[in-house]
Amino acid sequence: MFPVTRLGSLSLPTPELIIIVFFYLGLSLFERLQKVRGANPDKISNLILVSVFVFIIFGRLAFVLENFNAFLRSPLDIFSLNRDLFDPWLGSAGVVIYFAMTLQKQKLELWGTLDSLAIFFASLALGGSLANIASGSAFGMPSELPIAIELWGAERFPVQFLDAGWNLTCFFVTAVIAKRDLPSGTKFLTLAVLFSIGQIIAHGFRAEGWLLPGGFRADQIIYWIITAGTGWMLIRKLELKNG
């Protein structure tokens, strides 16, 4: 919808700018909360920054290997700035592997680290949904409702705005519980449950994705599984706290 931001003669991609702003916001909030709690944020901040490079490198290498023959004909395309030449899922897998190895090497506790990063993850999720509004990605199904918006040649359900509103709620909930003394892992799991529920709802209105028998989308099934798993872990942690 607003794919380009013009600053004089300079044209910048709006979605990427939004992601960068919310990445910085999330990192700044994480570091501030760590200092309030009397903890040194440097180790985890460095982990986040290196993870960005791991994500980019793994995602591009994965895409290159998946399309190896095409890159053989034009090897310089490996270094292209085209963001479509990228596999986000395998890029994310690379980050998870690097994250786990670094936690083990630096002897950082998993759940405590994830709790401290909850506000950062919430900021990224909100930035991602706002970036979808700017780019027109993750668009909704055709709709005749009064709230429909014109996008890609049709009147569509404004699912990007629904998603952004939900993720804004997730961000505020995470910010509220960030300073509270809760069982280890509770803050991250609360965010994970809320975010996954939002994705289940959002994917029900999206025009994209693999439609399964019964009207469900494949992504919804994945998020149902994530919601069930994280919800069960959250309940178990709260039960252990209450004895």
C-alpha atoms as a PDB file:
ATOM      1  CA  MET A   1       0.000   0.000   0.000  1.00  0.00           C
ATOM      2  CA  PHE A   2       2.950   2.291   0.815  1.00  0.00           C
ATOM      3  CA  PRO A   3       5.870   0.311  -0.630  1.00  0.00           C
ATOM      4  CA  VAL A   4       8.262   3.239  -1.045  1.00  0.00           C
ATOM      5  CA  THR A   5       9.222   6.124   1.230  1.00  0.00           C
ATOM      6  CA  ARG A   6      10.618   9.134  -0.622  1.00  0.00           C
ATOM      7  CA  LEU A   7      13.154  11.367   1.106  1.00  0.00           C
ATOM      8  CA  GLY A   8      13.885  14.024  -1.475  1.00  0.00           C
ATOM      9  CA  SER A   9      15.431  12.243  -4.443  1.00  0.00           C
ATOM     10  CA  LEU A  10      16.015   9.094  -2.353  1.00  0.00           C
ATOM     11  CA  SER A  11      13.516   6.225  -2.535  1.00  0.00           C
ATOM     12  CA  LEU A  12      13.623   3.694   0.306  1.00  0.00           C
ATOM     13  CA  PRO A  13      11.575   0.485   0.723  1.00  0.00           C
ATOM     14  CA  THR A  14       9.000   1.204   3.438  1.00  0.00           C
ATOM     15  CA  PRO A  15       8.548  -2.402   4.694  1.00  0.00           C
ATOM     16  CA  GLU A  16      12.280  -2.803   5.314  1.00  0.00           C
ATOM     17  CA  LEU A  17      12.435   0.576   7.055  1.00  0.00           C
ATOM     18  CA  ILE A  18       9.591  -0.459   9.362  1.00  0.00           C
ATOM     19  CA  ILE A  19      11.339  -3.731  10.248  1.00  0.00           C
ATOM     20  CA  ILE A  20      14.587  -1.880  11.016  1.00  0.00           C
ATOM     21  CA  VAL A  21      12.789   0.667  13.228  1.00  0.00           C
ATOM     22  CA  PHE A  22      10.954  -2.001  15.229  1.00  0.00           C
ATOM     23  CA  PHE A  23      14.093  -4.142  15.450  1.00  0.00           C
ATOM     24  CA  TYR A  24      15.888  -1.196  17.038  1.00  0.00           C
ATOM     25  CA  LEU A  25      12.879  -0.425  19.261  1.00  0.00           C
ATOM     26  CA  GLY A  26      12.687  -4.014  20.491  1.00  0.00           C
ATOM     27  CA  LEU A  27      16.420  -4.218  21.128  1.00  0.00           C
ATOM     28  CA  SER A  28      16.392  -0.895  23.008  1.00  0.00           C
ATOM     29  CA  LEU A  29      13.452  -1.971  25.195  1.00  0.00           C
ATOM     30  CA  PHE A  30      15.134  -5.310  25.923  1.00  0.00           C
ATOM     31  CA  GLU A  31      18.368  -3.603  26.995  1.00  0.00           C
ATOM     32  CA  ARG A  32      16.490  -1.074  29.141  1.00  0.00           C
ATOM     33  CA  LEU A  33      14.532  -3.804  30.932  1.00  0.00           C
ATOM     34  CA  GLN A  34      17.710  -5.788  31.538  1.00  0.00           C
ATOM     35  CA  LYS A  35      19.402  -2.764  33.110  1.00  0.00           C
ATOM     36  CA  VAL A  36      16.338  -2.109  35.293  1.00  0.00           C
ATOM     37  CA  ARG A  37      16.646  -5.682  36.576  1.00  0.00           C
ATOM     38  CA  GLY A  38      20.368  -5.162  37.214  1.00  0.00           C
ATOM     39  CA  ALA A  39      21.463  -7.557  34.458  1.00  0.00           C
ATOM     40  CA  ASN A  40      24.071  -7.006  31.754  1.00  0.00           C
ATOM     41  CA  PRO A  41      22.363  -7.155  28.320  1.00  0.00           C
ATOM     42  CA  ASP A  42      25.579  -7.299  26.269  1.00  0.00           C
ATOM     43  CA  LYS A  43      25.779 -11.072  25.736  1.00  0.00           C
ATOM     44  CA  ILE A  44      22.206 -11.408  24.538  1.00  0.00           C
ATOM     45  CA  SER A  45      22.370  -8.183  22.506  1.00  0.00           C
ATOM     46  CA  ASN A  46      25.378  -9.572  20.647  1.00  0.00           C
ATOM     47  CA  LEU A  47      23.492 -12.837  20.162  1.00  0.00           C
ATOM     48  CA  ILE A  48      20.611 -10.940  18.543  1.00  0.00           C
ATOM     49  CA  LEU A  49      22.856  -8.934  16.229  1.00  0.00           C
ATOM     50  CA  VAL A  50      24.824 -11.971  15.051  1.00  0.00           C
ATOM     51  CA  SER A  51      21.527 -13.851  14.562  1.00  0.00           C
ATOM     52  CA  VAL A  52      20.533 -11.242  11.957  1.00  0.00           C
ATOM     53  CA  PHE A  53      23.574 -12.126   9.847  1.00  0.00           C
ATOM     54  CA  VAL A  54      22.966 -15.855  10.389  1.00  0.00           C
ATOM     55  CA  PHE A  55      19.360 -15.409   9.199  1.00  0.00           C
ATOM     56  CA  ILE A  56      20.435 -13.547   6.054  1.00  0.00           C
ATOM     57  CA  ILE A  57      23.271 -15.937   5.168  1.00  0.00           C
ATOM     58  CA  PHE A  58      21.362 -19.171   5.852  1.00  0.00           C
ATOM     59  CA  GLY A  59      18.242 -17.916   4.055  1.00  0.00           C
ATOM     60  CA  ARG A  60      20.181 -16.911   0.937  1.00  0.00           C
ATOM     61  CA  LEU A  61      22.344 -20.085   0.879  1.00  0.00           C
ATOM     62  CA  ALA A  62      19.239 -22.243   1.287  1.00  0.00           C
ATOM     63  CA  PHE A  63      17.564 -20.494  -1.642  1.00  0.00           C
ATOM     64  CA  VAL A  64      20.707 -20.888  -3.760  1.00  0.00           C
ATOM     65  CA  LEU A  65      20.864 -24.627  -3.036  1.00  0.00           C
ATOM     66  CA  GLU A  66      17.151 -25.023  -3.787  1.00  0.00           C
ATOM     67  CA  ASN A  67      17.654 -23.303  -7.161  1.00  0.00           C
ATOM     68  CA  PHE A  68      21.220 -24.437  -7.827  1.00  0.00           C
ATOM     69  CA  ASN A  69      20.891 -24.862 -11.607  1.00  0.00           C
ATOM     70  CA  ALA A  70      19.531 -21.337 -12.067  1.00  0.00           C
ATOM     71  CA  PHE A  71      22.432 -19.836 -10.119  1.00  0.00           C
ATOM     72  CA  LEU A  72      24.940 -21.879 -12.125  1.00  0.00           C
ATOM     73  CA  ARG A  73      23.874 -19.899 -15.183  1.00  0.00           C
ATOM     74  CA  SER A  74      24.201 -16.583 -13.319  1.00  0.00           C
ATOM     75  CA  PRO A  75      26.475 -16.967 -10.250  1.00  0.00           C
ATOM     76  CA  LEU A  76      26.569 -13.236  -9.476  1.00  0.00           C
ATOM     77  CA  ASP A  77      22.861 -13.373  -8.611  1.00  0.00           C
ATOM     78  CA  ILE A  78      23.936 -15.003  -5.333  1.00  0.00           C
ATOM     79  CA  PHE A  79      24.931 -11.512  -4.184  1.00  0.00           C
ATOM     80  CA  SER A  80      21.812  -9.810  -5.538  1.00  0.00           C
ATOM     81  CA  LEU A  81      19.929  -7.402  -3.245  1.00  0.00           C
ATOM     82  CA  ASN A  82      16.634  -8.910  -4.440  1.00  0.00           C
ATOM     83  CA  ARG A  83      14.879  -9.907  -1.192  1.00  0.00           C
ATOM     84  CA  ASP A  84      12.795 -12.528  -3.025  1.00  0.00           C
ATOM     85  CA  LEU A  85      15.897 -14.703  -3.476  1.00  0.00           C
ATOM     86  CA  PHE A  86      15.566 -15.943   0.081  1.00  0.00           C
ATOM     87  CA  ASP A  87      14.172 -18.853   2.117  1.00  0.00           C
ATOM     88  CA  PRO A  88      12.874 -17.398   5.422  1.00  0.00           C
ATOM     89  CA  TRP A  89      12.038 -20.785   6.952  1.00  0.00           C
ATOM     90  CA  LEU A  90      15.534 -22.211   6.572  1.00  0.00           C
ATOM     91  CA  GLY A  91      16.978 -18.845   7.545  1.00  0.00           C
ATOM     92  CA  SER A  92      14.975 -19.104  10.760  1.00  0.00           C
ATOM     93  CA  ALA A  93      16.162 -22.690  11.249  1.00  0.00           C
ATOM     94  CA  GLY A  94      19.745 -21.442  11.021  1.00  0.00           C
ATOM     95  CA  VAL A  95      19.023 -18.857  13.725  1.00  0.00           C
ATOM     96  CA  VAL A  96      17.492 -21.511  16.019  1.00  0.00           C
ATOM     97  CA  ILE A  97      20.571 -23.730  15.639  1.00  0.00           C
ATOM     98  CA  TYR A  98      22.950 -20.824  16.252  1.00  0.00           C
ATOM     99  CA  PHE A  99      20.836 -19.640  19.205  1.00  0.00           C
ATOM    100  CA  ALA A 100      20.848 -23.063  20.864  1.00  0.00           C
ATOM    101  CA  MET A 101      24.587 -23.554  20.353  1.00  0.00           C
ATOM    102  CA  THR A 102      25.388 -20.099  21.743  1.00  0.00           C
ATOM    103  CA  LEU A 103      23.190 -20.567  24.818  1.00  0.00           C
ATOM    104  CA  GLN A 104      24.954 -23.830  25.584  1.00  0.00           C
ATOM    105  CA  LYS A 105      28.415 -22.365  24.986  1.00  0.00           C
ATOM    106  CA  GLN A 106      27.811 -19.266  27.122  1.00  0.00           C
ATOM    107  CA  LYS A 107      25.853 -21.228  29.751  1.00  0.00           C
ATOM    108  CA  LEU A 108      22.759 -19.049  29.429  1.00  0.00           C
ATOM    109  CA  GLU A 109      19.493 -20.445  30.797  1.00  0.00           C
ATOM    110  CA  LEU A 110      17.000 -21.061  27.971  1.00  0.00           C
ATOM    111  CA  TRP A 111      13.704 -19.978  29.514  1.00  0.00           C
ATOM    112  CA  GLY A 112      15.197 -16.994  31.282  1.00  0.00           C
ATOM    113  CA  THR A 113      16.761 -15.806  28.026  1.00  0.00           C
ATOM    114  CA  LEU A 114      13.506 -16.247  26.100  1.00  0.00           C
ATOM    115  CA  ASP A 115      11.616 -14.345  28.810  1.00  0.00           C
ATOM    116  CA  SER A 116      14.030 -11.435  28.598  1.00  0.00           C
ATOM    117  CA  LEU A 117      13.665 -11.406  24.796  1.00  0.00           C
ATOM    118  CA  ALA A 118       9.844 -11.494  24.844  1.00  0.00           C
ATOM    119  CA  ILE A 119       9.559  -7.721  24.396  1.00  0.00           C
ATOM    120  CA  PHE A 120      11.987  -7.900  21.466  1.00  0.00           C
ATOM    121  CA  PHE A 121       9.966 -10.678  19.784  1.00  0.00           C
ATOM    122  CA  ALA A 122       6.732  -8.744  20.383  1.00  0.00           C
ATOM    123  CA  SER A 123       8.239  -5.650  18.754  1.00  0.00           C
ATOM    124  CA  LEU A 124       9.373  -7.671  15.722  1.00  0.00           C
ATOM    125  CA  ALA A 125       5.907  -9.224  15.353  1.00  0.00           C
ATOM    126  CA  LEU A 126       4.269  -5.788  15.425  1.00  0.00           C
ATOM    127  CA  GLY A 127       6.811  -4.429  12.942  1.00  0.00           C
ATOM    128  CA  GLY A 128       6.202  -7.383  10.628  1.00  0.00           C
ATOM    129  CA  SER A 129       2.444  -6.823  10.547  1.00  0.00           C
ATOM    130  CA  LEU A 130       2.906  -3.095   9.882  1.00  0.00           C
ATOM    131  CA  ALA A 131       5.372  -3.959   7.107  1.00  0.00           C
ATOM    132  CA  ASN A 132       2.643  -6.138   5.551  1.00  0.00           C
ATOM    133  CA  ILE A 133       0.326  -3.135   5.539  1.00  0.00           C
ATOM    134  CA  ALA A 134       2.979  -1.077   3.773  1.00  0.00           C
ATOM    135  CA  SER A 135       3.785  -3.725   1.158  1.00  0.00           C
ATOM    136  CA  GLY A 136       0.285  -5.142   0.666  1.00  0.00           C
ATOM    137  CA  SER A 137       1.555  -8.633   1.514  1.00  0.00           C
ATOM    138  CA  ALA A 138      -0.458 -11.216   3.475  1.00  0.00           C
ATOM    139  CA  PHE A 139      -3.619  -9.764   1.895  1.00  0.00           C
ATOM    140  CA  GLY A 140      -7.168 -10.809   2.645  1.00  0.00           C
ATOM    141  CA  MET A 141      -9.858 -12.625   0.706  1.00  0.00           C
ATOM    142  CA  PRO A 142     -12.288 -10.715  -1.512  1.00  0.00           C
ATOM    143  CA  SER A 143     -15.039  -9.238   0.645  1.00  0.00           C
ATOM    144  CA  GLU A 144     -18.195  -7.137   0.317  1.00  0.00           C
ATOM    145  CA  LEU A 145     -18.107  -5.918   3.917  1.00  0.00           C
ATOM    146  CA  PRO A 146     -18.161  -2.125   4.502  1.00  0.00           C
ATOM    147  CA  ILE A 147     -14.675  -2.360   6.039  1.00  0.00           C
ATOM    148  CA  ALA A 148     -13.187  -3.921   2.894  1.00  0.00           C
ATOM    149  CA  ILE A 149     -10.198  -2.175   1.301  1.00  0.00           C
ATOM    150  CA  GLU A 150      -9.211  -2.022  -2.357  1.00  0.00           C
ATOM    151  CA  LEU A 151      -6.048  -4.026  -2.914  1.00  0.00           C
ATOM    152  CA  TRP A 152      -4.604  -5.968  -5.850  1.00  0.00           C
ATOM    153  CA  GLY A 153      -7.597  -5.288  -8.063  1.00  0.00           C
ATOM    154  CA  ALA A 154     -10.339  -6.303  -5.629  1.00  0.00           C
ATOM    155  CA  GLU A 155     -12.184  -5.252  -2.473  1.00  0.00           C
ATOM    156  CA  ARG A 156     -10.577  -7.335   0.272  1.00  0.00           C
ATOM    157  CA  PHE A 157     -10.970  -8.021   3.980  1.00  0.00           C
ATOM    158  CA  PRO A 158      -8.421  -5.809   5.813  1.00  0.00           C
ATOM    159  CA  VAL A 159      -6.660  -8.722   7.473  1.00  0.00           C
ATOM    160  CA  GLN A 160      -3.330  -6.842   7.679  1.00  0.00           C
ATOM    161  CA  PHE A 161      -4.959  -4.270   9.977  1.00  0.00           C
ATOM    162  CA  LEU A 162      -6.571  -7.024  12.066  1.00  0.00           C
ATOM    163  CA  ASP A 163      -3.168  -8.694  12.405  1.00  0.00           C
ATOM    164  CA  ALA A 164      -1.461  -5.408  13.334  1.00  0.00           C
ATOM    165  CA  GLY A 165      -4.109  -4.639  15.961  1.00  0.00           C
ATOM    166  CA  TRP A 166      -3.706  -8.074  17.519  1.00  0.00           C
ATOM    167  CA  ASN A 167       0.084  -7.823  17.557  1.00  0.00           C
ATOM    168  CA  LEU A 168      -0.176  -4.369  19.138  1.00  0.00           C
ATOM    169  CA  THR A 169      -2.210  -6.006  21.912  1.00  0.00           C
ATOM    170  CA  CYS A 170       0.466  -8.714  22.251  1.00  0.00           C
ATOM    171  CA  PHE A 171       3.112  -5.995  22.523  1.00  0.00           C
ATOM    172  CA  PHE A 172       1.268  -4.168  25.322  1.00  0.00           C
ATOM    173  CA  VAL A 173       0.565  -7.387  27.244  1.00  0.00           C
ATOM    174  CA  THR A 174       4.245  -8.334  26.990  1.00  0.00           C
ATOM    175  CA  ALA A 175       5.299  -4.851  28.137  1.00  0.00           C
ATOM    176  CA  VAL A 176       2.945  -5.047  31.146  1.00  0.00           C
ATOM    177  CA  ILE A 177       4.217  -8.429  32.378  1.00  0.00           C
ATOM    178  CA  ALA A 178       7.869  -7.738  31.503  1.00  0.00           C
ATOM    179  CA  LYS A 179       8.725  -6.286  34.932  1.00  0.00           C
ATOM    180  CA  ARG A 180       6.716  -8.810  36.931  1.00  0.00           C
ATOM    181  CA  ASP A 181       8.249 -11.684  38.834  1.00  0.00           C
ATOM    182  CA  LEU A 182       6.794 -14.749  37.095  1.00  0.00           C
ATOM    183  CA  PRO A 183       7.923 -18.380  36.734  1.00  0.00           C
ATOM    184  CA  SER A 184      10.750 -18.832  34.217  1.00  0.00           C
ATOM    185  CA  GLY A 185       9.391 -19.117  30.687  1.00  0.00           C
ATOM    186  CA  THR A 186       5.956 -17.702  31.499  1.00  0.00           C
ATOM    187  CA  LYS A 187       6.453 -14.362  29.746  1.00  0.00           C
ATOM    188  CA  PHE A 188       7.713 -15.894  26.509  1.00  0.00           C
ATOM    189  CA  LEU A 189       5.040 -18.610  26.495  1.00  0.00           C
ATOM    190  CA  THR A 190       2.277 -16.046  27.090  1.00  0.00           C
ATOM    191  CA  LEU A 191       3.468 -14.095  24.058  1.00  0.00           C
ATOM    192  CA  ALA A 192       3.789 -17.293  21.992  1.00  0.00           C
ATOM    193  CA  VAL A 193       0.210 -18.364  22.815  1.00  0.00           C
ATOM    194  CA  LEU A 194      -1.268 -14.930  22.074  1.00  0.00           C
ATOM    195  CA  PHE A 195       0.692 -14.508  18.846  1.00  0.00           C
ATOM    196  CA  SER A 196      -0.260 -18.002  17.595  1.00  0.00           C
ATOM    197  CA  ILE A 197      -3.951 -17.409  18.302  1.00  0.00           C
ATOM    198  CA  GLY A 198      -3.721 -14.199  16.290  1.00  0.00           C
ATOM    199  CA  GLN A 199      -2.142 -16.060  13.389  1.00  0.00           C
ATOM    200  CA  ILE A 200      -4.888 -18.698  13.449  1.00  0.00           C
ATOM    201  CA  ILE A 201      -7.469 -15.928  13.131  1.00  0.00           C
ATOM    202  CA  ALA A 202      -5.535 -13.945  10.522  1.00  0.00           C
ATOM    203  CA  HIS A 203      -4.861 -16.927   8.255  1.00  0.00           C
ATOM    204  CA  GLY A 204      -8.583 -17.662   8.239  1.00  0.00           C
ATOM    205  CA  PHE A 205      -9.144 -14.376   6.367  1.00  0.00           C
ATOM    206  CA  ARG A 206      -6.101 -14.427   4.092  1.00  0.00           C
ATOM    207  CA  ALA A 207      -6.273 -15.169   0.391  1.00  0.00           C
ATOM    208  CA  GLU A 208      -2.816 -16.750   0.406  1.00  0.00           C
ATOM    209  CA  GLY A 209      -1.806 -20.193   1.599  1.00  0.00           C
ATOM    210  CA  TRP A 210      -2.560 -23.844   0.973  1.00  0.00           C
ATOM    211  CA  LEU A 211      -6.257 -24.540   1.509  1.00  0.00           C
ATOM    212  CA  LEU A 212      -7.039 -27.916   3.106  1.00  0.00           C
ATOM    213  CA  PRO A 213     -10.302 -29.904   3.114  1.00  0.00           C
ATOM    214  CA  GLY A 214     -12.733 -28.376   5.593  1.00  0.00           C
ATOM    215  CA  GLY A 215     -11.753 -24.804   4.786  1.00  0.00           C
ATOM    216  CA  PHE A 216      -8.661 -24.699   6.999  1.00  0.00           C
ATOM    217  CA  ARG A 217      -5.282 -23.543   5.761  1.00  0.00           C
ATOM    218  CA  ALA A 218      -2.031 -25.407   6.314  1.00  0.00           C
ATOM    219  CA  ASP A 219      -0.592 -22.450   8.247  1.00  0.00           C
ATOM    220  CA  GLN A 220      -3.561 -22.526  10.606  1.00  0.00           C
ATOM    221  CA  ILE A 221      -2.879 -26.169  11.448  1.00  0.00           C
ATOM    222  CA  ILE A 222       0.754 -25.310  12.220  1.00  0.00           C
ATOM    223  CA  TYR A 223      -0.303 -22.493  14.529  1.00  0.00           C
ATOM    224  CA  TRP A 224      -2.930 -24.685  16.191  1.00  0.00           C
ATOM    225  CA  ILE A 225      -0.124 -27.116  17.062  1.00  0.00           C
ATOM    226  CA  ILE A 226       2.085 -24.271  18.337  1.00  0.00           C
ATOM    227  CA  THR A 227      -0.808 -22.878  20.412  1.00  0.00           C
ATOM    228  CA  ALA A 228      -1.553 -26.276  21.923  1.00  0.00           C
ATOM    229  CA  GLY A 229       2.109 -26.972  22.734  1.00  0.00           C
ATOM    230  CA  THR A 230       2.948 -23.570  24.207  1.00  0.00           C
ATOM    231  CA  GLY A 231      -0.401 -23.391  25.989  1.00  0.00           C
ATOM    232  CA  TRP A 232       0.229 -26.755  27.654  1.00  0.00           C
ATOM    233  CA  MET A 233       3.717 -25.676  28.768  1.00  0.00           C
ATOM    234  CA  LEU A 234       2.353 -22.386  30.110  1.00  0.00           C
ATOM    235  CA  ILE A 235      -0.336 -24.161  32.146  1.00  0.00           C
ATOM    236  CA  ARG A 236       2.252 -26.624  33.526  1.00  0.00           C
ATOM    237  CA  LYS A 237       4.546 -23.794  34.646  1.00  0.00           C
ATOM    238  CA  LEU A 238       1.672 -21.969  36.351  1.00  0.00           C
ATOM    239  CA  GLU A 239       0.565 -25.210  38.057  1.00  0.00           C
ATOM    240  CA  LEU A 240       4.088 -25.811  39.365  1.00  0.00           C
ATOM    241  CA  LYS A 241       4.165 -22.283  40.769  1.00  0.00           C
ATOM    242  CA  ASN A 242       0.854 -22.818  42.580  1.00  0.00           C
ATOM    243  CA  GLY A 243       2.003 -26.188  43.876  1.00  0.00           C
END
